[in-house]
C-alpha cells in the first residue's frame, strides 16, 4: 500500500495472494514523481535501493542488524 505522508490517504494498493510477500510488489507501487520512500526493514534490499536511485528518490528504509553484520553508528 502506498499512502500520502501528510494526509494519510491511500494513493495506491496492490492485492496479492497470501503466499506473496509485500516486498515483491514494492516497485509496482512507486511512481517517478515520488520524492521519498519510507518503509520497514522487509523492503530493504540492494535491488530496491538500486531502483530508488534510478528513480532519484530519497530512501528511508529501516535497516536491521544480523549476527554477522551489526548496525553501524549511522
N, C-alpha and C. Protein backbone atom coordinates (compact mmCIF):
# COMPACT_ATOMS: atom_id res chain seq x y z
N UNK A 1 0.84 -1.16 0.00
CA UNK A 1 0.00 0.00 0.00
C UNK A 1 0.90 1.23 0.00
N UNK A 2 0.50 2.23 -0.75
CA UNK A 2 1.22 3.50 -0.81
C UNK A 2 0.28 4.56 -0.25
N UNK A 3 0.77 5.30 0.75
CA UNK A 3 -0.06 6.32 1.40
C UNK A 3 0.67 7.66 1.38
N UNK A 4 -0.10 8.74 1.36
CA UNK A 4 0.46 10.09 1.43
C UNK A 4 0.90 10.36 2.86
N UNK A 5 2.11 10.89 3.00
CA UNK A 5 2.68 11.12 4.33
C UNK A 5 1.90 12.16 5.13
N UNK A 6 1.43 13.20 4.47
CA UNK A 6 0.72 14.28 5.17
C UNK A 6 -0.74 13.93 5.47
N UNK A 7 -1.46 13.48 4.45
CA UNK A 7 -2.90 13.26 4.61
C UNK A 7 -3.26 11.86 5.09
N UNK A 8 -2.32 10.92 4.95
CA UNK A 8 -2.53 9.51 5.29
C UNK A 8 -3.53 8.82 4.36
N UNK A 9 -3.90 9.47 3.25
CA UNK A 9 -4.77 8.85 2.27
C UNK A 9 -4.02 7.76 1.52
N UNK A 10 -4.71 6.67 1.22
CA UNK A 10 -4.12 5.60 0.43
C UNK A 10 -4.12 6.05 -1.03
N UNK A 11 -2.93 6.06 -1.64
CA UNK A 11 -2.79 6.51 -3.01
C UNK A 11 -2.80 5.36 -4.00
N UNK A 12 -2.25 4.22 -3.58
CA UNK A 12 -2.16 3.07 -4.47
C UNK A 12 -2.05 1.82 -3.62
N UNK A 13 -2.64 0.74 -4.08
CA UNK A 13 -2.52 -0.53 -3.36
C UNK A 13 -2.46 -1.67 -4.37
N UNK A 14 -1.98 -2.78 -3.92
CA UNK A 14 -1.88 -3.97 -4.76
C UNK A 14 -2.29 -5.16 -3.92
N UNK A 15 -3.24 -5.93 -4.39
CA UNK A 15 -3.71 -7.12 -3.69
C UNK A 15 -2.98 -8.33 -4.23
N UNK A 16 -2.45 -9.14 -3.34
CA UNK A 16 -1.73 -10.34 -3.73
C UNK A 16 -2.22 -11.53 -2.92
N UNK A 17 -1.95 -12.75 -3.39
CA UNK A 17 -2.28 -13.92 -2.58
C UNK A 17 -1.43 -13.94 -1.31
N UNK A 18 -1.86 -14.69 -0.33
CA UNK A 18 -1.18 -14.73 0.96
C UNK A 18 0.26 -15.23 0.87
N UNK A 19 0.56 -16.05 -0.11
CA UNK A 19 1.91 -16.60 -0.21
C UNK A 19 2.91 -15.62 -0.86
N UNK A 20 2.45 -14.48 -1.34
CA UNK A 20 3.32 -13.48 -1.95
C UNK A 20 3.65 -12.41 -0.92
N UNK A 21 4.93 -12.20 -0.65
CA UNK A 21 5.34 -11.21 0.34
C UNK A 21 5.13 -9.81 -0.20
N UNK A 22 4.79 -8.87 0.66
CA UNK A 22 4.53 -7.48 0.26
C UNK A 22 5.69 -6.86 -0.51
N UNK A 23 6.92 -7.22 -0.15
CA UNK A 23 8.08 -6.62 -0.80
C UNK A 23 8.19 -7.00 -2.27
N UNK A 24 7.46 -8.02 -2.70
CA UNK A 24 7.51 -8.45 -4.09
C UNK A 24 6.80 -7.47 -5.03
N UNK A 25 5.95 -6.61 -4.50
CA UNK A 25 5.25 -5.62 -5.33
C UNK A 25 5.72 -4.20 -5.03
N UNK A 26 6.85 -4.08 -4.37
CA UNK A 26 7.42 -2.79 -3.97
C UNK A 26 7.53 -1.83 -5.16
N UNK A 27 8.15 -2.27 -6.25
CA UNK A 27 8.39 -1.40 -7.40
C UNK A 27 7.09 -1.02 -8.10
N UNK A 28 6.09 -1.87 -8.07
CA UNK A 28 4.81 -1.57 -8.72
C UNK A 28 4.08 -0.41 -8.04
N UNK A 29 4.36 -0.18 -6.77
CA UNK A 29 3.67 0.87 -6.02
C UNK A 29 4.31 2.25 -6.20
N UNK A 30 5.52 2.29 -6.74
CA UNK A 30 6.24 3.55 -6.85
C UNK A 30 6.03 4.21 -8.20
N UNK A 31 6.11 5.53 -8.20
CA UNK A 31 6.00 6.33 -9.42
C UNK A 31 7.23 7.22 -9.52
N UNK A 32 7.50 7.70 -10.72
CA UNK A 32 8.68 8.54 -10.93
C UNK A 32 8.61 9.86 -10.16
N UNK A 33 7.42 10.34 -9.85
CA UNK A 33 7.30 11.62 -9.14
C UNK A 33 7.43 11.48 -7.62
N UNK A 34 7.59 10.25 -7.11
CA UNK A 34 7.78 10.06 -5.67
C UNK A 34 9.10 10.69 -5.25
N UNK A 35 9.05 11.52 -4.22
CA UNK A 35 10.25 12.20 -3.76
C UNK A 35 10.98 11.43 -2.66
N UNK A 36 10.24 10.66 -1.88
CA UNK A 36 10.84 9.90 -0.79
C UNK A 36 10.01 8.65 -0.53
N UNK A 37 10.69 7.62 -0.04
CA UNK A 37 10.02 6.37 0.30
C UNK A 37 10.42 6.00 1.72
N UNK A 38 9.42 5.79 2.56
CA UNK A 38 9.63 5.34 3.94
C UNK A 38 9.05 3.94 4.05
N UNK A 39 9.86 2.99 4.53
CA UNK A 39 9.37 1.61 4.62
C UNK A 39 10.13 0.86 5.70
N UNK A 40 9.54 -0.24 6.16
CA UNK A 40 10.20 -1.03 7.20
C UNK A 40 11.29 -1.93 6.60
N UNK A 41 11.96 -2.68 7.45
CA UNK A 41 13.12 -3.45 7.03
C UNK A 41 12.81 -4.56 6.03
N UNK A 42 11.57 -4.97 5.91
CA UNK A 42 11.21 -6.01 4.94
C UNK A 42 11.44 -5.55 3.50
N UNK A 43 11.47 -4.24 3.28
CA UNK A 43 11.63 -3.70 1.93
C UNK A 43 13.07 -3.34 1.60
N UNK A 44 13.98 -3.51 2.56
CA UNK A 44 15.39 -3.16 2.32
C UNK A 44 16.09 -4.29 1.58
N UNK A 45 16.59 -3.98 0.39
CA UNK A 45 17.39 -4.92 -0.38
C UNK A 45 18.24 -4.12 -1.36
N UNK A 46 19.33 -4.69 -1.84
CA UNK A 46 20.14 -3.99 -2.83
C UNK A 46 19.35 -3.65 -4.10
N UNK A 47 18.44 -4.54 -4.48
CA UNK A 47 17.63 -4.30 -5.68
C UNK A 47 16.70 -3.11 -5.49
N UNK A 48 16.07 -3.02 -4.32
CA UNK A 48 15.17 -1.90 -4.06
C UNK A 48 15.94 -0.59 -3.95
N UNK A 49 17.12 -0.63 -3.33
CA UNK A 49 17.95 0.57 -3.25
C UNK A 49 18.34 1.05 -4.64
N UNK A 50 18.74 0.12 -5.52
CA UNK A 50 19.12 0.48 -6.88
C UNK A 50 17.93 1.08 -7.64
N UNK A 51 16.75 0.52 -7.43
CA UNK A 51 15.56 1.04 -8.10
C UNK A 51 15.24 2.46 -7.63
N UNK A 52 15.39 2.73 -6.35
CA UNK A 52 15.13 4.07 -5.82
C UNK A 52 16.17 5.07 -6.33
N UNK A 53 17.41 4.64 -6.49
CA UNK A 53 18.44 5.51 -7.07
C UNK A 53 18.07 5.83 -8.51
N UNK A 54 17.61 4.82 -9.23
CA UNK A 54 17.20 5.02 -10.63
C UNK A 54 16.07 6.04 -10.73
N UNK A 55 15.15 6.02 -9.76
CA UNK A 55 14.03 6.97 -9.76
C UNK A 55 14.43 8.33 -9.18
N UNK A 56 15.66 8.44 -8.66
CA UNK A 56 16.14 9.64 -7.99
C UNK A 56 15.23 10.00 -6.82
N UNK A 57 14.93 8.98 -6.01
CA UNK A 57 14.04 9.10 -4.87
C UNK A 57 14.82 8.90 -3.58
N UNK A 58 14.58 9.74 -2.59
CA UNK A 58 15.22 9.54 -1.29
C UNK A 58 14.66 8.29 -0.65
N UNK A 59 15.54 7.48 -0.07
CA UNK A 59 15.06 6.26 0.58
C UNK A 59 15.27 6.35 2.09
N UNK A 60 14.23 5.98 2.79
CA UNK A 60 14.24 5.90 4.24
C UNK A 60 13.74 4.50 4.60
N UNK A 61 14.56 3.51 4.27
CA UNK A 61 14.21 2.12 4.55
C UNK A 61 14.90 1.71 5.84
N UNK A 62 14.14 1.12 6.73
CA UNK A 62 14.70 0.67 8.01
C UNK A 62 15.74 -0.42 7.74
N UNK A 63 16.76 -0.45 8.57
CA UNK A 63 17.79 -1.48 8.49
C UNK A 63 17.64 -2.37 9.70
N UNK A 64 18.08 -3.60 9.57
CA UNK A 64 18.09 -4.46 10.74
C UNK A 64 19.42 -5.18 10.80
N UNK A 65 19.92 -5.33 12.00
CA UNK A 65 21.20 -5.99 12.21
C UNK A 65 21.03 -7.50 12.13
N UNK A 66 22.10 -8.15 11.73
CA UNK A 66 22.14 -9.61 11.77
C UNK A 66 23.35 -10.01 12.60
N UNK A 67 23.46 -11.28 12.87
CA UNK A 67 24.55 -11.76 13.71
C UNK A 67 25.91 -11.38 13.15
N UNK A 68 26.10 -11.48 11.86
CA UNK A 68 27.40 -11.20 11.26
C UNK A 68 27.54 -9.77 10.74
N UNK A 69 26.46 -8.99 10.75
CA UNK A 69 26.50 -7.60 10.26
C UNK A 69 25.75 -6.67 11.22
N UNK A 70 26.42 -6.22 12.27
CA UNK A 70 25.75 -5.28 13.19
C UNK A 70 25.52 -3.94 12.53
N UNK A 71 24.58 -3.18 13.05
CA UNK A 71 24.31 -1.85 12.52
C UNK A 71 25.47 -0.92 12.81
N UNK A 72 25.72 -0.02 11.87
CA UNK A 72 26.78 0.97 12.09
C UNK A 72 26.21 2.12 12.93
N UNK A 73 27.07 3.02 13.34
CA UNK A 73 26.62 4.18 14.10
C UNK A 73 25.65 5.03 13.28
N UNK A 74 25.87 5.10 11.97
CA UNK A 74 24.99 5.89 11.09
C UNK A 74 23.61 5.29 11.09
